[in-house]
Amino acid sequence: MTVGKYTKFDNMINTGLWKEMTLEMIINAIAPSPWLDGIKYTEYVSAFDFEIEQEYNDVLLLFQFNRLYLTLKFTLYLTEFMSPRANRVCFL
């Protein structure tokens, strides 16, 4: 997302910010659920003659590490690299 000036006539649709917001909502919606507790996924590996069993909640928990980008994004907004002055200088 770029730092820009918005008027009172701007909204999520005409600025195009709805795309980024929708993607972030989908990423943040991935979470372990109580109704998936105990439900397992089983896969057979023929190369090793072995059966692997994982719970769905464990796999969803792995995808929650994608939320670490929010910490990086928030930290960048607090630095001078995302300031309006830096945007003006780098826009040239």
PDB file of N, CA and C in Angstrom:
ATOM      1  N   MET A   1       0.843  -1.174   0.000  1.00  0.00           N
ATOM      2  CA  MET A   1       0.000   0.000   0.000  1.00  0.00           C
ATOM      3  C   MET A   1       0.885   1.234   0.000  1.00  0.00           C
ATOM      4  N   THR A   2       0.547   2.190  -0.810  1.00  0.00           N
ATOM      5  CA  THR A   2       1.320   3.417  -0.877  1.00  0.00           C
ATOM      6  C   THR A   2       0.703   4.459   0.029  1.00  0.00           C
ATOM      7  N   VAL A   3       1.551   5.338   0.503  1.00  0.00           N
ATOM      8  CA  VAL A   3       1.076   6.436   1.334  1.00  0.00           C
ATOM      9  C   VAL A   3       0.559   7.508   0.405  1.00  0.00           C
ATOM     10  N   GLY A   4      -0.657   7.911   0.575  1.00  0.00           N
ATOM     11  CA  GLY A   4      -1.231   8.908  -0.305  1.00  0.00           C
ATOM     12  C   GLY A   4      -2.267   9.741   0.408  1.00  0.00           C
ATOM     13  N   LYS A   5      -2.704  10.785  -0.278  1.00  0.00           N
ATOM     14  CA  LYS A   5      -3.739  11.641   0.275  1.00  0.00           C
ATOM     15  C   LYS A   5      -5.084  11.198  -0.273  1.00  0.00           C
ATOM     16  N   TYR A   6      -6.044  11.119   0.609  1.00  0.00           N
ATOM     17  CA  TYR A   6      -7.387  10.734   0.216  1.00  0.00           C
ATOM     18  C   TYR A   6      -8.338  11.866   0.555  1.00  0.00           C
ATOM     19  N   THR A   7      -9.344  12.033  -0.254  1.00  0.00           N
ATOM     20  CA  THR A   7     -10.352  13.051   0.011  1.00  0.00           C
ATOM     21  C   THR A   7     -11.548  12.403   0.677  1.00  0.00           C
ATOM     22  N   LYS A   8     -12.517  13.233   1.014  1.00  0.00           N
ATOM     23  CA  LYS A   8     -13.721  12.690   1.654  1.00  0.00           C
ATOM     24  C   LYS A   8     -14.577  11.906   0.662  1.00  0.00           C
ATOM     25  N   PHE A   9     -14.282  12.012  -0.619  1.00  0.00           N
ATOM     26  CA  PHE A   9     -15.037  11.281  -1.629  1.00  0.00           C
ATOM     27  C   PHE A   9     -14.448   9.900  -1.924  1.00  0.00           C
ATOM     28  N   ASP A  10     -13.271   9.625  -1.372  1.00  0.00           N
ATOM     29  CA  ASP A  10     -12.626   8.329  -1.585  1.00  0.00           C
ATOM     30  C   ASP A  10     -13.209   7.283  -0.646  1.00  0.00           C
ATOM     31  N   ASN A  11     -13.301   6.071  -1.148  1.00  0.00           N
ATOM     32  CA  ASN A  11     -13.735   4.949  -0.316  1.00  0.00           C
ATOM     33  C   ASN A  11     -12.905   3.725  -0.676  1.00  0.00           C
ATOM     34  N   MET A  12     -13.253   2.587  -0.090  1.00  0.00           N
ATOM     35  CA  MET A  12     -12.471   1.376  -0.317  1.00  0.00           C
ATOM     36  C   MET A  12     -12.530   0.916  -1.780  1.00  0.00           C
ATOM     37  N   ILE A  13     -13.637   1.163  -2.443  1.00  0.00           N
ATOM     38  CA  ILE A  13     -13.810   0.675  -3.813  1.00  0.00           C
ATOM     39  C   ILE A  13     -13.012   1.509  -4.808  1.00  0.00           C
ATOM     40  N   ASN A  14     -13.193   2.835  -4.782  1.00  0.00           N
ATOM     41  CA  ASN A  14     -12.544   3.645  -5.823  1.00  0.00           C
ATOM     42  C   ASN A  14     -11.056   3.872  -5.577  1.00  0.00           C
ATOM     43  N   THR A  15     -10.535   3.567  -4.388  1.00  0.00           N
ATOM     44  CA  THR A  15      -9.090   3.659  -4.157  1.00  0.00           C
ATOM     45  C   THR A  15      -8.389   2.335  -4.437  1.00  0.00           C
ATOM     46  N   GLY A  16      -9.136   1.234  -4.504  1.00  0.00           N
ATOM     47  CA  GLY A  16      -8.545  -0.067  -4.767  1.00  0.00           C
ATOM     48  C   GLY A  16      -8.008  -0.756  -3.523  1.00  0.00           C
ATOM     49  N   LEU A  17      -8.240  -0.166  -2.352  1.00  0.00           N
ATOM     50  CA  LEU A  17      -7.744  -0.752  -1.102  1.00  0.00           C
ATOM     51  C   LEU A  17      -8.518  -1.998  -0.701  1.00  0.00           C
ATOM     52  N   TRP A  18      -9.659  -2.252  -1.301  1.00  0.00           N
ATOM     53  CA  TRP A  18     -10.464  -3.419  -0.935  1.00  0.00           C
ATOM     54  C   TRP A  18      -9.751  -4.720  -1.275  1.00  0.00           C
ATOM     55  N   LYS A  19      -8.891  -4.710  -2.306  1.00  0.00           N
ATOM     56  CA  LYS A  19      -8.177  -5.929  -2.689  1.00  0.00           C
ATOM     57  C   LYS A  19      -7.202  -6.355  -1.595  1.00  0.00           C
ATOM     58  N   GLU A  20      -6.421  -5.401  -1.101  1.00  0.00           N
ATOM     59  CA  GLU A  20      -5.464  -5.708  -0.045  1.00  0.00           C
ATOM     60  C   GLU A  20      -6.177  -6.106   1.244  1.00  0.00           C
ATOM     61  N   MET A  21      -7.265  -5.416   1.565  1.00  0.00           N
ATOM     62  CA  MET A  21      -8.008  -5.717   2.780  1.00  0.00           C
ATOM     63  C   MET A  21      -8.635  -7.112   2.712  1.00  0.00           C
ATOM     64  N   THR A  22      -9.162  -7.490   1.553  1.00  0.00           N
ATOM     65  CA  THR A  22      -9.760  -8.817   1.392  1.00  0.00           C
ATOM     66  C   THR A  22      -8.706  -9.910   1.543  1.00  0.00           C
ATOM     67  N   LEU A  23      -7.535  -9.715   0.964  1.00  0.00           N
ATOM     68  CA  LEU A  23      -6.462 -10.692   1.092  1.00  0.00           C
ATOM     69  C   LEU A  23      -6.025 -10.842   2.552  1.00  0.00           C
ATOM     70  N   GLU A  24      -5.892  -9.728   3.269  1.00  0.00           N
ATOM     71  CA  GLU A  24      -5.504  -9.799   4.675  1.00  0.00           C
ATOM     72  C   GLU A  24      -6.581 -10.476   5.519  1.00  0.00           C
ATOM     73  N   MET A  25      -7.826 -10.258   5.206  1.00  0.00           N
ATOM     74  CA  MET A  25      -8.908 -10.911   5.955  1.00  0.00           C
ATOM     75  C   MET A  25      -8.890 -12.419   5.731  1.00  0.00           C
ATOM     76  N   ILE A  26      -8.604 -12.858   4.522  1.00  0.00           N
ATOM     77  CA  ILE A  26      -8.539 -14.291   4.236  1.00  0.00           C
ATOM     78  C   ILE A  26      -7.351 -14.921   4.960  1.00  0.00           C
ATOM     79  N   ILE A  27      -6.197 -14.252   4.926  1.00  0.00           N
ATOM     80  CA  ILE A  27      -5.012 -14.773   5.615  1.00  0.00           C
ATOM     81  C   ILE A  27      -5.258 -14.871   7.115  1.00  0.00           C
ATOM     82  N   ASN A  28      -5.893 -13.865   7.691  1.00  0.00           N
ATOM     83  CA  ASN A  28      -6.124 -13.861   9.131  1.00  0.00           C
ATOM     84  C   ASN A  28      -7.281 -14.759   9.558  1.00  0.00           C
ATOM     85  N   ALA A  29      -8.078 -15.214   8.625  1.00  0.00           N
ATOM     86  CA  ALA A  29      -9.191 -16.101   8.968  1.00  0.00           C
ATOM     87  C   ALA A  29      -8.746 -17.548   9.148  1.00  0.00           C
ATOM     88  N   ILE A  30      -7.550 -17.867   8.673  1.00  0.00           N
ATOM     89  CA  ILE A  30      -7.043 -19.236   8.822  1.00  0.00           C
ATOM     90  C   ILE A  30      -6.612 -19.427  10.266  1.00  0.00           C
ATOM     91  N   ALA A  31      -7.329 -20.280  10.970  1.00  0.00           N
ATOM     92  CA  ALA A  31      -7.036 -20.519  12.382  1.00  0.00           C
ATOM     93  C   ALA A  31      -7.565 -21.887  12.786  1.00  0.00           C
ATOM     94  N   PRO A  32      -6.946 -22.509  13.798  1.00  0.00           N
ATOM     95  CA  PRO A  32      -7.483 -23.774  14.308  1.00  0.00           C
ATOM     96  C   PRO A  32      -8.886 -23.572  14.871  1.00  0.00           C
ATOM     97  N   SER A  33      -9.719 -24.581  14.705  1.00  0.00           N
ATOM     98  CA  SER A  33     -11.105 -24.487  15.153  1.00  0.00           C
ATOM     99  C   SER A  33     -11.434 -25.618  16.106  1.00  0.00           C
ATOM    100  N   PRO A  34     -12.299 -25.363  17.091  1.00  0.00           N
ATOM    101  CA  PRO A  34     -12.632 -26.414  18.048  1.00  0.00           C
ATOM    102  C   PRO A  34     -13.357 -27.597  17.415  1.00  0.00           C
ATOM    103  N   TRP A  35     -14.131 -27.369  16.363  1.00  0.00           N
ATOM    104  CA  TRP A  35     -14.874 -28.473  15.744  1.00  0.00           C
ATOM    105  C   TRP A  35     -13.969 -29.372  14.900  1.00  0.00           C
ATOM    106  N   LEU A  36     -12.715 -28.967  14.672  1.00  0.00           N
ATOM    107  CA  LEU A  36     -11.773 -29.814  13.954  1.00  0.00           C
ATOM    108  C   LEU A  36     -10.876 -30.606  14.903  1.00  0.00           C
ATOM    109  N   ASP A  37     -11.101 -30.467  16.198  1.00  0.00           N
ATOM    110  CA  ASP A  37     -10.263 -31.150  17.181  1.00  0.00           C
ATOM    111  C   ASP A  37     -10.464 -32.661  17.085  1.00  0.00           C
ATOM    112  N   GLY A  38      -9.379 -33.362  16.907  1.00  0.00           N
ATOM    113  CA  GLY A  38      -9.423 -34.819  16.826  1.00  0.00           C
ATOM    114  C   GLY A  38      -9.589 -35.363  15.424  1.00  0.00           C
ATOM    115  N   ILE A  39      -9.900 -34.528  14.449  1.00  0.00           N
ATOM    116  CA  ILE A  39     -10.042 -34.993  13.068  1.00  0.00           C
ATOM    117  C   ILE A  39      -8.654 -35.051  12.447  1.00  0.00           C
ATOM    118  N   LYS A  40      -8.302 -36.182  11.881  1.00  0.00           N
ATOM    119  CA  LYS A  40      -6.946 -36.393  11.403  1.00  0.00           C
ATOM    120  C   LYS A  40      -6.902 -36.633   9.903  1.00  0.00           C
ATOM    121  N   TYR A  41      -5.781 -36.258   9.343  1.00  0.00           N
ATOM    122  CA  TYR A  41      -5.489 -36.477   7.931  1.00  0.00           C
ATOM    123  C   TYR A  41      -4.398 -37.541   7.860  1.00  0.00           C
ATOM    124  N   THR A  42      -4.645 -38.606   7.104  1.00  0.00           N
ATOM    125  CA  THR A  42      -3.694 -39.708   7.000  1.00  0.00           C
ATOM    126  C   THR A  42      -3.201 -39.826   5.565  1.00  0.00           C
ATOM    127  N   GLU A  43      -1.896 -39.975   5.431  1.00  0.00           N
ATOM    128  CA  GLU A  43      -1.295 -40.122   4.107  1.00  0.00           C
ATOM    129  C   GLU A  43      -0.271 -41.255   4.160  1.00  0.00           C
ATOM    130  N   TYR A  44      -0.299 -42.080   3.144  1.00  0.00           N
ATOM    131  CA  TYR A  44       0.624 -43.215   3.073  1.00  0.00           C
ATOM    132  C   TYR A  44       1.773 -42.860   2.141  1.00  0.00           C
ATOM    133  N   VAL A  45       3.011 -43.034   2.613  1.00  0.00           N
ATOM    134  CA  VAL A  45       4.210 -42.780   1.819  1.00  0.00           C
ATOM    135  C   VAL A  45       4.762 -44.130   1.383  1.00  0.00           C
ATOM    136  N   SER A  46       4.577 -44.445   0.108  1.00  0.00           N
ATOM    137  CA  SER A  46       4.963 -45.771  -0.379  1.00  0.00           C
ATOM    138  C   SER A  46       6.483 -45.928  -0.475  1.00  0.00           C
ATOM    139  N   ALA A  47       7.214 -44.847  -0.638  1.00  0.00           N
ATOM    140  CA  ALA A  47       8.666 -44.935  -0.752  1.00  0.00           C
ATOM    141  C   ALA A  47       9.297 -45.468   0.528  1.00  0.00           C
ATOM    142  N   PHE A  48       8.705 -45.132   1.666  1.00  0.00           N
ATOM    143  CA  PHE A  48       9.241 -45.565   2.954  1.00  0.00           C
ATOM    144  C   PHE A  48       8.345 -46.584   3.650  1.00  0.00           C
ATOM    145  N   ASP A  49       7.256 -46.950   2.987  1.00  0.00           N
ATOM    146  CA  ASP A  49       6.282 -47.875   3.564  1.00  0.00           C
ATOM    147  C   ASP A  49       5.872 -47.403   4.962  1.00  0.00           C
ATOM    148  N   PHE A  50       5.412 -46.138   4.996  1.00  0.00           N
ATOM    149  CA  PHE A  50       5.113 -45.492   6.267  1.00  0.00           C
ATOM    150  C   PHE A  50       3.824 -44.685   6.131  1.00  0.00           C
ATOM    151  N   GLU A  51       3.085 -44.588   7.190  1.00  0.00           N
ATOM    152  CA  GLU A  51       1.840 -43.826   7.209  1.00  0.00           C
ATOM    153  C   GLU A  51       2.000 -42.610   8.109  1.00  0.00           C
ATOM    154  N   ILE A  52       1.690 -41.430   7.561  1.00  0.00           N
ATOM    155  CA  ILE A  52       1.799 -40.176   8.309  1.00  0.00           C
ATOM    156  C   ILE A  52       0.404 -39.720   8.699  1.00  0.00           C
ATOM    157  N   GLU A  53       0.255 -39.306   9.939  1.00  0.00           N
ATOM    158  CA  GLU A  53      -1.042 -38.854  10.447  1.00  0.00           C
ATOM    159  C   GLU A  53      -0.880 -37.479  11.089  1.00  0.00           C
ATOM    160  N   GLN A  54      -1.655 -36.515  10.624  1.00  0.00           N
ATOM    161  CA  GLN A  54      -1.633 -35.152  11.158  1.00  0.00           C
ATOM    162  C   GLN A  54      -3.044 -34.714  11.489  1.00  0.00           C
ATOM    163  N   GLU A  55      -3.183 -33.912  12.536  1.00  0.00           N
ATOM    164  CA  GLU A  55      -4.479 -33.309  12.828  1.00  0.00           C
ATOM    165  C   GLU A  55      -4.628 -32.035  12.004  1.00  0.00           C
ATOM    166  N   TYR A  56      -5.853 -31.758  11.590  1.00  0.00           N
ATOM    167  CA  TYR A  56      -6.108 -30.558  10.784  1.00  0.00           C
ATOM    168  C   TYR A  56      -5.760 -29.289  11.548  1.00  0.00           C
ATOM    169  N   ASN A  57      -6.008 -29.263  12.851  1.00  0.00           N
ATOM    170  CA  ASN A  57      -5.694 -28.078  13.640  1.00  0.00           C
ATOM    171  C   ASN A  57      -4.197 -27.800  13.669  1.00  0.00           C
ATOM    172  N   ASP A  58      -3.377 -28.839  13.649  1.00  0.00           N
ATOM    173  CA  ASP A  58      -1.931 -28.632  13.624  1.00  0.00           C
ATOM    174  C   ASP A  58      -1.487 -27.998  12.309  1.00  0.00           C
ATOM    175  N   VAL A  59      -2.094 -28.418  11.220  1.00  0.00           N
ATOM    176  CA  VAL A  59      -1.758 -27.851   9.916  1.00  0.00           C
ATOM    177  C   VAL A  59      -2.210 -26.389   9.842  1.00  0.00           C
ATOM    178  N   LEU A  60      -3.389 -26.093  10.365  1.00  0.00           N
ATOM    179  CA  LEU A  60      -3.868 -24.709  10.375  1.00  0.00           C
ATOM    180  C   LEU A  60      -3.006 -23.834  11.273  1.00  0.00           C
ATOM    181  N   LEU A  61      -2.507 -24.395  12.351  1.00  0.00           N
ATOM    182  CA  LEU A  61      -1.615 -23.652  13.236  1.00  0.00           C
ATOM    183  C   LEU A  61      -0.319 -23.288  12.522  1.00  0.00           C
ATOM    184  N   LEU A  62       0.145 -24.158  11.658  1.00  0.00           N
ATOM    185  CA  LEU A  62       1.340 -23.871  10.874  1.00  0.00           C
ATOM    186  C   LEU A  62       1.113 -22.662   9.963  1.00  0.00           C
ATOM    187  N   PHE A  63      -0.068 -22.563   9.374  1.00  0.00           N
ATOM    188  CA  PHE A  63      -0.368 -21.439   8.488  1.00  0.00           C
ATOM    189  C   PHE A  63      -0.539 -20.128   9.245  1.00  0.00           C
ATOM    190  N   GLN A  64      -0.738 -20.180  10.556  1.00  0.00           N
ATOM    191  CA  GLN A  64      -0.874 -18.947  11.321  1.00  0.00           C
ATOM    192  C   GLN A  64       0.431 -18.172  11.392  1.00  0.00           C
ATOM    193  N   PHE A  65       1.550 -18.801  11.113  1.00  0.00           N
ATOM    194  CA  PHE A  65       2.818 -18.076  11.115  1.00  0.00           C
ATOM    195  C   PHE A  65       2.865 -17.040   9.993  1.00  0.00           C
ATOM    196  N   ASN A  66       1.958 -17.132   9.038  1.00  0.00           N
ATOM    197  CA  ASN A  66       1.874 -16.098   7.999  1.00  0.00           C
ATOM    198  C   ASN A  66       1.472 -14.754   8.580  1.00  0.00           C
ATOM    199  N   ARG A  67       0.926 -14.739   9.762  1.00  0.00           N
ATOM    200  CA  ARG A  67       0.516 -13.486  10.392  1.00  0.00           C
ATOM    201  C   ARG A  67       1.697 -12.660  10.878  1.00  0.00           C
ATOM    202  N   LEU A  68       2.880 -13.213  10.858  1.00  0.00           N
ATOM    203  CA  LEU A  68       4.046 -12.446  11.284  1.00  0.00           C
ATOM    204  C   LEU A  68       4.311 -11.249  10.381  1.00  0.00           C
ATOM    205  N   TYR A  69       3.762 -11.271   9.164  1.00  0.00           N
ATOM    206  CA  TYR A  69       3.945 -10.135   8.271  1.00  0.00           C
ATOM    207  C   TYR A  69       3.287  -8.886   8.859  1.00  0.00           C
ATOM    208  N   LEU A  70       2.276  -9.040   9.697  1.00  0.00           N
ATOM    209  CA  LEU A  70       1.631  -7.879  10.303  1.00  0.00           C
ATOM    210  C   LEU A  70       2.585  -7.135  11.226  1.00  0.00           C
ATOM    211  N   THR A  71       3.431  -7.862  11.934  1.00  0.00           N
ATOM    212  CA  THR A  71       4.418  -7.223  12.800  1.00  0.00           C
ATOM    213  C   THR A  71       5.417  -6.422  11.970  1.00  0.00           C
ATOM    214  N   LEU A  72       5.880  -7.011  10.882  1.00  0.00           N
ATOM    215  CA  LEU A  72       6.802  -6.305   9.998  1.00  0.00           C
ATOM    216  C   LEU A  72       6.145  -5.076   9.375  1.00  0.00           C
ATOM    217  N   LYS A  73       4.921  -5.220   8.941  1.00  0.00           N
ATOM    218  CA  LYS A  73       4.200  -4.115   8.318  1.00  0.00           C
ATOM    219  C   LYS A  73       3.998  -2.964   9.307  1.00  0.00           C
ATOM    220  N   PHE A  74       3.610  -3.287  10.542  1.00  0.00           N
ATOM    221  CA  PHE A  74       3.408  -2.264  11.562  1.00  0.00           C
ATOM    222  C   PHE A  74       4.722  -1.571  11.900  1.00  0.00           C
ATOM    223  N   THR A  75       5.804  -2.337  11.989  1.00  0.00           N
ATOM    224  CA  THR A  75       7.108  -1.757  12.294  1.00  0.00           C
ATOM    225  C   THR A  75       7.564  -0.819  11.182  1.00  0.00           C
ATOM    226  N   LEU A  76       7.338  -1.192   9.938  1.00  0.00           N
ATOM    227  CA  LEU A  76       7.710  -0.316   8.826  1.00  0.00           C
ATOM    228  C   LEU A  76       6.924   0.982   8.838  1.00  0.00           C
ATOM    229  N   TYR A  77       5.661   0.942   9.230  1.00  0.00           N
ATOM    230  CA  TYR A  77       4.863   2.163   9.292  1.00  0.00           C
ATOM    231  C   TYR A  77       5.356   3.114  10.364  1.00  0.00           C
ATOM    232  N   LEU A  78       6.047   2.599  11.377  1.00  0.00           N
ATOM    233  CA  LEU A  78       6.576   3.446  12.443  1.00  0.00           C
ATOM    234  C   LEU A  78       7.939   4.033  12.115  1.00  0.00           C
ATOM    235  N   THR A  79       8.592   3.568  11.059  1.00  0.00           N
ATOM    236  CA  THR A  79       9.918   4.062  10.708  1.00  0.00           C
ATOM    237  C   THR A  79       9.811   5.243   9.760  1.00  0.00           C
ATOM    238  N   GLU A  80      10.957   5.863   9.517  1.00  0.00           N
ATOM    239  CA  GLU A  80      10.985   7.009   8.611  1.00  0.00           C
ATOM    240  C   GLU A  80      10.901   6.591   7.146  1.00  0.00           C
ATOM    241  N   PHE A  81      11.022   5.307   6.864  1.00  0.00           N
ATOM    242  CA  PHE A  81      10.993   4.844   5.480  1.00  0.00           C
ATOM    243  C   PHE A  81       9.596   4.870   4.875  1.00  0.00           C
ATOM    244  N   MET A  82       8.568   4.929   5.705  1.00  0.00           N
ATOM    245  CA  MET A  82       7.190   4.978   5.206  1.00  0.00           C
ATOM    246  C   MET A  82       6.555   6.347   5.433  1.00  0.00           C
ATOM    247  N   SER A  83       7.353   7.353   5.701  1.00  0.00           N
ATOM    248  CA  SER A  83       6.828   8.685   5.971  1.00  0.00           C
ATOM    249  C   SER A  83       6.420   9.365   4.659  1.00  0.00           C
ATOM    250  N   PRO A  84       5.588  10.400   4.742  1.00  0.00           N
ATOM    251  CA  PRO A  84       5.219  11.127   3.523  1.00  0.00           C
ATOM    252  C   PRO A  84       6.431  11.757   2.820  1.00  0.00           C
ATOM    253  N   ARG A  85       7.424  12.186   3.613  1.00  0.00           N
ATOM    254  CA  ARG A  85       8.619  12.770   3.001  1.00  0.00           C
ATOM    255  C   ARG A  85       9.376  11.723   2.184  1.00  0.00           C
ATOM    256  N   ALA A  86       9.536  10.521   2.733  1.00  0.00           N
ATOM    257  CA  ALA A  86      10.220   9.470   1.995  1.00  0.00           C
ATOM    258  C   ALA A  86       9.441   9.089   0.736  1.00  0.00           C
ATOM    259  N   ASN A  87       8.139   9.139   0.810  1.00  0.00           N
ATOM    260  CA  ASN A  87       7.324   8.855  -0.371  1.00  0.00           C
ATOM    261  C   ASN A  87       7.525   9.909  -1.445  1.00  0.00           C
ATOM    262  N   ARG A  88       7.612  11.179  -1.046  1.00  0.00           N
ATOM    263  CA  ARG A  88       7.853  12.273  -2.006  1.00  0.00           C
ATOM    264  C   ARG A  88       9.220  12.125  -2.655  1.00  0.00           C
ATOM    265  N   VAL A  89      10.252  11.836  -1.851  1.00  0.00           N
ATOM    266  CA  VAL A  89      11.614  11.749  -2.362  1.00  0.00           C
ATOM    267  C   VAL A  89      11.764  10.567  -3.310  1.00  0.00           C
ATOM    268  N   CYS A  90      11.192   9.433  -2.949  1.00  0.00           N
ATOM    269  CA  CYS A  90      11.351   8.217  -3.754  1.00  0.00           C
ATOM    270  C   CYS A  90      10.437   8.189  -4.968  1.00  0.00           C
ATOM    271  N   PHE A  91       9.429   9.058  -5.016  1.00  0.00           N
ATOM    272  CA  PHE A  91       8.486   9.044  -6.127  1.00  0.00           C
ATOM    273  C   PHE A  91       9.116   9.590  -7.405  1.00  0.00           C
ATOM    274  N   LEU A  92      10.163  10.377  -7.280  1.00  0.00           N
ATOM    275  CA  LEU A  92      10.783  11.010  -8.452  1.00  0.00           C
ATOM    276  C   LEU A  92      11.462  10.062  -9.340  1.00  0.00           C
TER     277      LEU A  92
END
